[in-house]
Amino acid sequence: PMPGAVRNAFTLVTGLTAMPVLFYCGWPILVNGWRRLRLGAPNVDTLVGFGAVMAFIVSLYTAIVLHAHHVYFDTASMLVALLVIGRSLEGGAKRKAGRAISGLLRLGAKEAEKLVAGEWRPVDLATVQPGDRLRVRLGERIPVDGRVLAGAGWVDTSTLTGEPRPVEAGPGTAVLAGSLLTQGTLELEAEKVGSDTLLSQVVARVRKTLAAKAPLQQLADRIAAGFIPVVVAAAVLGGLLAYAHHETAAQALM
C-alpha cells in the first residue's frame, strides 16, 4: 500500500495543478457554458464545464472533508485541456483560411482597360458589364471571367486552379478573374463580373464556412443538450438508491 503521506502529496499536487487549468484556461468555457445553460440551450461548453467543475468540487470535498483519496482532479484538467486543444487547432485552421482569403482578395484587380467608342480607357472595375471588351497587358491580372477574343499569351492560374505552370491562352480560351498574364497581351469579352466571378464565389464560400459550425459540432451540441439532464438524473438516482441501501454519504456521493 502507498504510504498516507505520499497519497496526500499526490492529492495536493493534482488539486493545485488542476486549479489554473480549470479556472484560467477553462474560464471562457465555463462562462459560455453557464450562459448557454441560462438560455436553455446547453452545448458542449456546458457539458464539459459542468463535468469539470463537479469533478473538482467532489474531489475537493473528498480530500478536505472526507479525508479520502478518491479524487478526480485529473478528470477536471483533462476535460478542459482536450477542449482547449481542440479549439486551438480549430483556431489555427481558421486563421490559415483567413490568410488564404486575404491572399485571394489581393488577386482581384481594381481597374480594367475597356474599349469605349473605339478607344481603350481605364475604368473602375465596378462599371464593367458582361459583354464589354477589355484588354489585359503583360504583368496585369485578368479582372473578370471571360473569353479571349484576340491576342495570345500565357496565364498563371495557380492560385485558383492549382495548375503549377502558366497555360497558353488564345482566341476562344476561357480565362478567370485573378489570373496573372505572364506573357503577351489579350483582348477579352467579359462574361462574369463582380460577385459572379469564380474568385468572388470561392471567397464567399470560404467566409461562409468559417462563420458556420461544422455539422459534427452541431451534432455534438444537440447531443450535449440531452446528455446533461439524463446523466445528472441518473447520477442523482444512483446516489439516492445507494443511500437508501444504507451506504455511507461518501459512498453514495461516489
C-alpha atoms as a PDB file:
ATOM      1  CA  PRO A   1       0.000   0.000   0.000  1.00  0.00           C
ATOM      2  CA  MET A   2       1.107   3.568  -0.758  1.00  0.00           C
ATOM      3  CA  PRO A   3       2.041   5.498   2.428  1.00  0.00           C
ATOM      4  CA  GLY A   4      -0.528   8.101   3.504  1.00  0.00           C
ATOM      5  CA  ALA A   5       1.933  10.954   3.221  1.00  0.00           C
ATOM      6  CA  VAL A   6       2.668  10.065  -0.397  1.00  0.00           C
ATOM      7  CA  ARG A   7      -1.050   9.842  -1.207  1.00  0.00           C
ATOM      8  CA  ASN A   8      -1.634  13.223   0.419  1.00  0.00           C
ATOM      9  CA  ALA A   9       1.211  14.707  -1.626  1.00  0.00           C
ATOM     10  CA  PHE A  10      -0.265  13.354  -4.875  1.00  0.00           C
ATOM     11  CA  THR A  11      -3.706  14.679  -3.936  1.00  0.00           C
ATOM     12  CA  LEU A  12      -2.287  18.119  -3.154  1.00  0.00           C
ATOM     13  CA  VAL A  13      -0.255  18.295  -6.380  1.00  0.00           C
ATOM     14  CA  THR A  14      -3.133  17.194  -8.623  1.00  0.00           C
ATOM     15  CA  GLY A  15      -5.505  19.627  -6.906  1.00  0.00           C
ATOM     16  CA  LEU A  16      -3.147  22.592  -7.236  1.00  0.00           C
ATOM     17  CA  THR A  17      -2.304  21.861 -10.874  1.00  0.00           C
ATOM     18  CA  ALA A  18      -5.988  21.431 -11.773  1.00  0.00           C
ATOM     19  CA  MET A  19      -6.926  24.896 -10.497  1.00  0.00           C
ATOM     20  CA  PRO A  20      -5.174  27.033 -13.181  1.00  0.00           C
ATOM     21  CA  VAL A  21      -6.245  24.624 -15.937  1.00  0.00           C
ATOM     22  CA  LEU A  22      -9.880  24.770 -14.868  1.00  0.00           C
ATOM     23  CA  PHE A  23     -10.264  28.373 -13.749  1.00  0.00           C
ATOM     24  CA  TYR A  24      -7.828  30.110 -16.125  1.00  0.00           C
ATOM     25  CA  CYS A  25      -7.606  28.056 -19.320  1.00  0.00           C
ATOM     26  CA  GLY A  26     -11.173  26.860 -18.927  1.00  0.00           C
ATOM     27  CA  TRP A  27     -12.738  30.164 -17.819  1.00  0.00           C
ATOM     28  CA  PRO A  28     -14.152  31.046 -21.287  1.00  0.00           C
ATOM     29  CA  ILE A  29     -15.648  27.543 -21.467  1.00  0.00           C
ATOM     30  CA  LEU A  30     -17.269  27.911 -18.041  1.00  0.00           C
ATOM     31  CA  VAL A  31     -18.677  31.354 -18.825  1.00  0.00           C
ATOM     32  CA  ASN A  32     -20.084  30.335 -22.200  1.00  0.00           C
ATOM     33  CA  GLY A  33     -21.433  27.065 -20.790  1.00  0.00           C
ATOM     34  CA  TRP A  34     -23.254  28.897 -17.980  1.00  0.00           C
ATOM     35  CA  ARG A  35     -24.631  31.462 -20.424  1.00  0.00           C
ATOM     36  CA  ARG A  36     -25.976  28.732 -22.713  1.00  0.00           C
ATOM     37  CA  LEU A  37     -27.485  26.904 -19.730  1.00  0.00           C
ATOM     38  CA  ARG A  38     -29.321  30.060 -18.639  1.00  0.00           C
ATOM     39  CA  LEU A  39     -30.667  30.456 -22.174  1.00  0.00           C
ATOM     40  CA  GLY A  40     -31.989  26.903 -22.053  1.00  0.00           C
ATOM     41  CA  ALA A  41     -29.717  25.781 -24.902  1.00  0.00           C
ATOM     42  CA  PRO A  42     -26.796  23.868 -23.338  1.00  0.00           C
ATOM     43  CA  ASN A  43     -23.937  22.917 -25.626  1.00  0.00           C
ATOM     44  CA  VAL A  44     -20.572  21.175 -25.438  1.00  0.00           C
ATOM     45  CA  ASP A  45     -19.165  24.007 -23.297  1.00  0.00           C
ATOM     46  CA  THR A  46     -21.972  23.413 -20.793  1.00  0.00           C
ATOM     47  CA  LEU A  47     -21.303  19.681 -20.753  1.00  0.00           C
ATOM     48  CA  VAL A  48     -17.526  19.982 -20.345  1.00  0.00           C
ATOM     49  CA  GLY A  49     -17.730  22.875 -17.878  1.00  0.00           C
ATOM     50  CA  PHE A  50     -20.309  21.093 -15.719  1.00  0.00           C
ATOM     51  CA  GLY A  51     -18.350  17.841 -15.699  1.00  0.00           C
ATOM     52  CA  ALA A  52     -15.051  19.558 -14.891  1.00  0.00           C
ATOM     53  CA  VAL A  53     -16.471  21.737 -12.102  1.00  0.00           C
ATOM     54  CA  MET A  54     -18.335  18.843 -10.499  1.00  0.00           C
ATOM     55  CA  ALA A  55     -15.226  16.637 -10.640  1.00  0.00           C
ATOM     56  CA  PHE A  56     -13.225  19.406  -8.969  1.00  0.00           C
ATOM     57  CA  ILE A  57     -15.839  20.135  -6.251  1.00  0.00           C
ATOM     58  CA  VAL A  58     -16.376  16.454  -5.423  1.00  0.00           C
ATOM     59  CA  SER A  59     -12.607  15.899  -5.273  1.00  0.00           C
ATOM     60  CA  LEU A  60     -12.174  18.918  -3.017  1.00  0.00           C
ATOM     61  CA  TYR A  61     -14.917  17.694  -0.693  1.00  0.00           C
ATOM     62  CA  THR A  62     -13.485  14.171  -0.682  1.00  0.00           C
ATOM     63  CA  ALA A  63      -9.957  15.332   0.114  1.00  0.00           C
ATOM     64  CA  ILE A  64     -10.746  18.027   2.712  1.00  0.00           C
ATOM     65  CA  VAL A  65     -13.922  16.806   4.424  1.00  0.00           C
ATOM     66  CA  LEU A  66     -13.840  13.041   3.999  1.00  0.00           C
ATOM     67  CA  HIS A  67     -10.019  12.750   4.075  1.00  0.00           C
ATOM     68  CA  ALA A  68     -10.245  10.159   1.326  1.00  0.00           C
ATOM     69  CA  HIS A  69      -8.158   9.734  -1.796  1.00  0.00           C
ATOM     70  CA  HIS A  70     -10.844   9.016  -4.416  1.00  0.00           C
ATOM     71  CA  VAL A  71     -10.222  12.327  -6.157  1.00  0.00           C
ATOM     72  CA  TYR A  72     -10.738  13.299  -9.804  1.00  0.00           C
ATOM     73  CA  PHE A  73      -8.730  16.494 -10.192  1.00  0.00           C
ATOM     74  CA  ASP A  74      -7.080  14.959 -13.258  1.00  0.00           C
ATOM     75  CA  THR A  75     -10.516  14.472 -14.842  1.00  0.00           C
ATOM     76  CA  ALA A  76     -11.278  18.190 -14.473  1.00  0.00           C
ATOM     77  CA  SER A  77      -7.942  19.069 -16.092  1.00  0.00           C
ATOM     78  CA  MET A  78      -8.328  16.532 -18.893  1.00  0.00           C
ATOM     79  CA  LEU A  79     -11.831  17.638 -19.919  1.00  0.00           C
ATOM     80  CA  VAL A  80     -10.798  21.278 -20.171  1.00  0.00           C
ATOM     81  CA  ALA A  81      -7.431  20.534 -21.779  1.00  0.00           C
ATOM     82  CA  LEU A  82      -8.942  18.396 -24.550  1.00  0.00           C
ATOM     83  CA  LEU A  83     -11.490  21.068 -25.445  1.00  0.00           C
ATOM     84  CA  VAL A  84      -8.915  23.887 -25.294  1.00  0.00           C
ATOM     85  CA  ILE A  85      -6.512  21.931 -27.522  1.00  0.00           C
ATOM     86  CA  GLY A  86      -9.323  21.231 -29.999  1.00  0.00           C
ATOM     87  CA  ARG A  87     -10.340  24.889 -30.064  1.00  0.00           C
ATOM     88  CA  SER A  88      -6.701  25.880 -30.558  1.00  0.00           C
ATOM     89  CA  LEU A  89      -6.351  23.574 -33.574  1.00  0.00           C
ATOM     90  CA  GLU A  90      -9.622  24.897 -34.966  1.00  0.00           C
ATOM     91  CA  GLY A  91      -8.496  28.496 -34.438  1.00  0.00           C
ATOM     92  CA  GLY A  92      -5.215  27.814 -36.240  1.00  0.00           C
ATOM     93  CA  ALA A  93      -7.063  26.334 -39.201  1.00  0.00           C
ATOM     94  CA  LYS A  94      -9.411  29.333 -39.329  1.00  0.00           C
ATOM     95  CA  ARG A  95      -6.513  31.792 -39.170  1.00  0.00           C
ATOM     96  CA  LYS A  96      -4.816  29.935 -42.016  1.00  0.00           C
ATOM     97  CA  ALA A  97      -8.036  30.074 -44.036  1.00  0.00           C
ATOM     98  CA  GLY A  98      -8.355  33.779 -43.220  1.00  0.00           C
ATOM     99  CA  ARG A  99      -4.873  34.418 -44.591  1.00  0.00           C
ATOM    100  CA  ALA A 100      -5.835  32.466 -47.705  1.00  0.00           C
ATOM    101  CA  ILE A 101      -8.889  34.736 -48.138  1.00  0.00           C
ATOM    102  CA  SER A 102      -6.706  37.817 -47.798  1.00  0.00           C
ATOM    103  CA  GLY A 103      -4.410  36.416 -50.464  1.00  0.00           C
ATOM    104  CA  LEU A 104      -7.343  35.756 -52.798  1.00  0.00           C
ATOM    105  CA  LEU A 105      -8.714  39.246 -52.267  1.00  0.00           C
ATOM    106  CA  ARG A 106      -5.363  40.712 -53.292  1.00  0.00           C
ATOM    107  CA  LEU A 107      -5.700  38.869 -56.608  1.00  0.00           C
ATOM    108  CA  GLY A 108      -8.674  40.978 -57.616  1.00  0.00           C
ATOM    109  CA  ALA A 109      -7.993  43.862 -59.969  1.00  0.00           C
ATOM    110  CA  LYS A 110      -9.332  47.339 -59.122  1.00  0.00           C
ATOM    111  CA  GLU A 111      -9.418  48.713 -62.658  1.00  0.00           C
ATOM    112  CA  ALA A 112      -9.840  47.438 -66.187  1.00  0.00           C
ATOM    113  CA  GLU A 113      -8.908  48.735 -69.613  1.00  0.00           C
ATOM    114  CA  LYS A 114     -12.150  48.930 -71.592  1.00  0.00           C
ATOM    115  CA  LEU A 115     -12.873  49.667 -75.239  1.00  0.00           C
ATOM    116  CA  VAL A 116     -15.087  52.784 -75.294  1.00  0.00           C
ATOM    117  CA  ALA A 117     -16.013  54.468 -78.607  1.00  0.00           C
ATOM    118  CA  GLY A 118     -13.065  52.868 -80.348  1.00  0.00           C
ATOM    119  CA  GLU A 119     -10.562  53.874 -77.626  1.00  0.00           C
ATOM    120  CA  TRP A 120      -9.024  51.941 -74.756  1.00  0.00           C
ATOM    121  CA  ARG A 121      -9.782  53.695 -71.489  1.00  0.00           C
ATOM    122  CA  PRO A 122      -9.028  52.707 -67.864  1.00  0.00           C
ATOM    123  CA  VAL A 123     -12.307  52.364 -65.968  1.00  0.00           C
ATOM    124  CA  ASP A 124     -13.331  51.320 -62.483  1.00  0.00           C
ATOM    125  CA  LEU A 125     -13.965  47.590 -62.349  1.00  0.00           C
ATOM    126  CA  ALA A 126     -17.399  48.179 -60.801  1.00  0.00           C
ATOM    127  CA  THR A 127     -18.573  49.780 -64.065  1.00  0.00           C
ATOM    128  CA  VAL A 128     -17.665  46.774 -66.233  1.00  0.00           C
ATOM    129  CA  GLN A 129     -20.658  44.802 -67.509  1.00  0.00           C
ATOM    130  CA  PRO A 130     -20.944  41.395 -69.231  1.00  0.00           C
ATOM    131  CA  GLY A 131     -20.278  41.826 -72.936  1.00  0.00           C
ATOM    132  CA  ASP A 132     -17.716  44.624 -72.525  1.00  0.00           C
ATOM    133  CA  ARG A 133     -14.441  44.276 -74.424  1.00  0.00           C
ATOM    134  CA  LEU A 134     -11.370  44.527 -72.185  1.00  0.00           C
ATOM    135  CA  ARG A 135      -7.633  44.488 -72.731  1.00  0.00           C
ATOM    136  CA  VAL A 136      -5.087  42.911 -70.403  1.00  0.00           C
ATOM    137  CA  ARG A 137      -1.374  43.625 -70.741  1.00  0.00           C
ATOM    138  CA  LEU A 138       1.715  41.722 -69.639  1.00  0.00           C
ATOM    139  CA  GLY A 139       2.020  41.572 -65.825  1.00  0.00           C
ATOM    140  CA  GLU A 140      -1.612  42.522 -65.170  1.00  0.00           C
ATOM    141  CA  ARG A 141      -4.275  40.397 -63.534  1.00  0.00           C
ATOM    142  CA  ILE A 142      -7.358  39.447 -65.504  1.00  0.00           C
ATOM    143  CA  PRO A 143     -10.212  41.483 -63.966  1.00  0.00           C
ATOM    144  CA  VAL A 144     -13.221  39.300 -64.929  1.00  0.00           C
ATOM    145  CA  ASP A 145     -14.188  35.821 -66.031  1.00  0.00           C
ATOM    146  CA  GLY A 146     -14.340  35.960 -69.809  1.00  0.00           C
ATOM    147  CA  ARG A 147     -13.285  34.592 -73.160  1.00  0.00           C
ATOM    148  CA  VAL A 148     -10.319  35.706 -75.246  1.00  0.00           C
ATOM    149  CA  LEU A 149     -11.288  37.476 -78.479  1.00  0.00           C
ATOM    150  CA  ALA A 150      -7.848  38.447 -79.781  1.00  0.00           C
ATOM    151  CA  GLY A 151      -4.193  38.208 -78.880  1.00  0.00           C
ATOM    152  CA  ALA A 152      -2.137  35.414 -77.368  1.00  0.00           C
ATOM    153  CA  GLY A 153      -0.234  34.869 -74.159  1.00  0.00           C
ATOM    154  CA  TRP A 154       0.419  32.703 -71.122  1.00  0.00           C
ATOM    155  CA  VAL A 155      -1.718  32.902 -68.000  1.00  0.00           C
ATOM    156  CA  ASP A 156      -0.734  31.863 -64.464  1.00  0.00           C
ATOM    157  CA  THR A 157      -3.832  30.335 -62.816  1.00  0.00           C
ATOM    158  CA  SER A 158      -2.009  28.539 -59.976  1.00  0.00           C
ATOM    159  CA  THR A 159      -3.760  30.393 -57.144  1.00  0.00           C
ATOM    160  CA  LEU A 160      -7.210  29.442 -58.467  1.00  0.00           C
ATOM    161  CA  THR A 161      -6.813  26.054 -60.136  1.00  0.00           C
ATOM    162  CA  GLY A 162      -3.543  24.747 -58.682  1.00  0.00           C
ATOM    163  CA  GLU A 163      -2.033  24.435 -62.167  1.00  0.00           C
ATOM    164  CA  PRO A 164       1.736  24.715 -61.456  1.00  0.00           C
ATOM    165  CA  ARG A 165       2.688  26.160 -64.847  1.00  0.00           C
ATOM    166  CA  PRO A 166       1.222  29.005 -66.901  1.00  0.00           C
ATOM    167  CA  VAL A 167      -1.280  27.895 -69.540  1.00  0.00           C
ATOM    168  CA  GLU A 168      -1.465  29.194 -73.077  1.00  0.00           C
ATOM    169  CA  ALA A 169      -4.367  31.493 -73.917  1.00  0.00           C
ATOM    170  CA  GLY A 170      -5.608  32.499 -77.351  1.00  0.00           C
ATOM    171  CA  PRO A 171      -8.860  33.318 -79.184  1.00  0.00           C
ATOM    172  CA  GLY A 172     -11.706  31.278 -77.700  1.00  0.00           C
ATOM    173  CA  THR A 173      -9.874  30.430 -74.461  1.00  0.00           C
ATOM    174  CA  ALA A 174     -11.792  30.929 -71.203  1.00  0.00           C
ATOM    175  CA  VAL A 175      -9.911  32.966 -68.579  1.00  0.00           C
ATOM    176  CA  LEU A 176     -10.614  33.576 -64.891  1.00  0.00           C
ATOM    177  CA  ALA A 177     -10.541  36.721 -62.791  1.00  0.00           C
ATOM    178  CA  GLY A 178      -7.423  36.907 -60.632  1.00  0.00           C
ATOM    179  CA  SER A 179      -5.213  35.042 -63.095  1.00  0.00           C
ATOM    180  CA  LEU A 180      -1.891  36.702 -63.926  1.00  0.00           C
ATOM    181  CA  LEU A 181      -0.902  37.346 -67.539  1.00  0.00           C
ATOM    182  CA  THR A 182       2.791  36.397 -67.633  1.00  0.00           C
ATOM    183  CA  GLN A 183       3.316  36.842 -71.352  1.00  0.00           C
ATOM    184  CA  GLY A 184       1.584  38.593 -74.255  1.00  0.00           C
ATOM    185  CA  THR A 185      -1.494  40.844 -74.489  1.00  0.00           C
ATOM    186  CA  LEU A 186      -5.095  39.682 -74.535  1.00  0.00           C
ATOM    187  CA  GLU A 187      -8.387  41.218 -75.590  1.00  0.00           C
ATOM    188  CA  LEU A 188     -11.345  39.502 -73.998  1.00  0.00           C
ATOM    189  CA  GLU A 189     -15.096  39.698 -73.633  1.00  0.00           C
ATOM    190  CA  ALA A 190     -16.382  39.941 -70.087  1.00  0.00           C
ATOM    191  CA  GLU A 191     -18.796  37.129 -69.214  1.00  0.00           C
ATOM    192  CA  LYS A 192     -18.969  37.203 -65.403  1.00  0.00           C
ATOM    193  CA  VAL A 193     -18.151  40.272 -63.330  1.00  0.00           C
ATOM    194  CA  GLY A 194     -18.152  41.273 -59.675  1.00  0.00           C
ATOM    195  CA  SER A 195     -19.621  38.686 -57.293  1.00  0.00           C
ATOM    196  CA  ASP A 196     -20.369  36.304 -60.186  1.00  0.00           C
ATOM    197  CA  THR A 197     -16.701  35.515 -60.866  1.00  0.00           C
ATOM    198  CA  LEU A 198     -15.196  32.256 -59.658  1.00  0.00           C
ATOM    199  CA  LEU A 199     -12.764  34.194 -57.460  1.00  0.00           C
ATOM    200  CA  SER A 200     -15.574  36.018 -55.652  1.00  0.00           C
ATOM    201  CA  GLN A 201     -17.552  32.787 -55.201  1.00  0.00           C
ATOM    202  CA  VAL A 202     -14.555  30.997 -53.668  1.00  0.00           C
ATOM    203  CA  VAL A 203     -14.009  33.846 -51.203  1.00  0.00           C
ATOM    204  CA  ALA A 204     -17.716  33.942 -50.306  1.00  0.00           C
ATOM    205  CA  ARG A 205     -17.878  30.184 -49.717  1.00  0.00           C
ATOM    206  CA  VAL A 206     -14.781  30.127 -47.523  1.00  0.00           C
ATOM    207  CA  ARG A 207     -16.136  33.030 -45.462  1.00  0.00           C
ATOM    208  CA  LYS A 208     -19.466  31.239 -45.036  1.00  0.00           C
ATOM    209  CA  THR A 209     -17.686  28.067 -43.954  1.00  0.00           C
ATOM    210  CA  LEU A 210     -15.584  29.925 -41.388  1.00  0.00           C
ATOM    211  CA  ALA A 211     -18.641  31.669 -39.949  1.00  0.00           C
ATOM    212  CA  ALA A 212     -20.675  28.468 -39.540  1.00  0.00           C
ATOM    213  CA  LYS A 213     -20.206  25.488 -37.257  1.00  0.00           C
ATOM    214  CA  ALA A 214     -19.236  22.177 -38.781  1.00  0.00           C
ATOM    215  CA  PRO A 215     -22.041  19.560 -38.932  1.00  0.00           C
ATOM    216  CA  LEU A 216     -20.153  17.451 -36.377  1.00  0.00           C
ATOM    217  CA  GLN A 217     -20.033  20.393 -33.962  1.00  0.00           C
ATOM    218  CA  GLN A 218     -23.765  20.976 -34.369  1.00  0.00           C
ATOM    219  CA  LEU A 219     -24.405  17.276 -33.696  1.00  0.00           C
ATOM    220  CA  ALA A 220     -22.246  17.396 -30.554  1.00  0.00           C
ATOM    221  CA  ASP A 221     -24.186  20.415 -29.256  1.00  0.00           C
ATOM    222  CA  ARG A 222     -27.507  18.626 -29.848  1.00  0.00           C
ATOM    223  CA  ILE A 223     -26.259  15.522 -28.029  1.00  0.00           C
ATOM    224  CA  ALA A 224     -24.949  17.643 -25.126  1.00  0.00           C
ATOM    225  CA  ALA A 225     -28.350  19.302 -24.705  1.00  0.00           C
ATOM    226  CA  GLY A 226     -29.963  15.944 -23.923  1.00  0.00           C
ATOM    227  CA  PHE A 227     -26.937  14.276 -22.374  1.00  0.00           C
ATOM    228  CA  ILE A 228     -26.607  16.653 -19.411  1.00  0.00           C
ATOM    229  CA  PRO A 229     -30.069  16.203 -17.816  1.00  0.00           C
ATOM    230  CA  VAL A 230     -30.037  12.428 -18.443  1.00  0.00           C
ATOM    231  CA  VAL A 231     -26.645  11.925 -16.796  1.00  0.00           C
ATOM    232  CA  VAL A 232     -27.425  14.248 -13.873  1.00  0.00           C
ATOM    233  CA  ALA A 233     -30.738  12.478 -13.270  1.00  0.00           C
ATOM    234  CA  ALA A 234     -29.047   9.070 -13.431  1.00  0.00           C
ATOM    235  CA  ALA A 235     -26.327  10.187 -11.015  1.00  0.00           C
ATOM    236  CA  VAL A 236     -28.804  11.626  -8.505  1.00  0.00           C
ATOM    237  CA  LEU A 237     -30.954   8.488  -8.720  1.00  0.00           C
ATOM    238  CA  GLY A 238     -27.912   6.283  -8.222  1.00  0.00           C
ATOM    239  CA  GLY A 239     -26.821   8.271  -5.165  1.00  0.00           C
ATOM    240  CA  LEU A 240     -30.304   8.154  -3.612  1.00  0.00           C
ATOM    241  CA  LEU A 241     -30.607   4.406  -4.190  1.00  0.00           C
ATOM    242  CA  ALA A 242     -27.182   3.831  -2.640  1.00  0.00           C
ATOM    243  CA  TYR A 243     -28.121   5.937   0.357  1.00  0.00           C
ATOM    244  CA  ALA A 244     -31.443   4.104   0.673  1.00  0.00           C
ATOM    245  CA  HIS A 245     -29.489   0.840   0.839  1.00  0.00           C
ATOM    246  CA  HIS A 246     -27.643   2.165   3.895  1.00  0.00           C
ATOM    247  CA  GLU A 247     -24.453   3.163   2.122  1.00  0.00           C
ATOM    248  CA  THR A 248     -22.470   5.972   3.723  1.00  0.00           C
ATOM    249  CA  ALA A 249     -22.782   9.515   2.386  1.00  0.00           C
ATOM    250  CA  ALA A 250     -19.310   9.264   0.887  1.00  0.00           C
ATOM    251  CA  GLN A 251     -20.154   6.031  -0.921  1.00  0.00           C
ATOM    252  CA  ALA A 252     -23.444   7.467  -2.157  1.00  0.00           C
ATOM    253  CA  LEU A 253     -21.612  10.539  -3.445  1.00  0.00           C
ATOM    254  CA  MET A 254     -19.210   8.406  -5.442  1.00  0.00           C
END
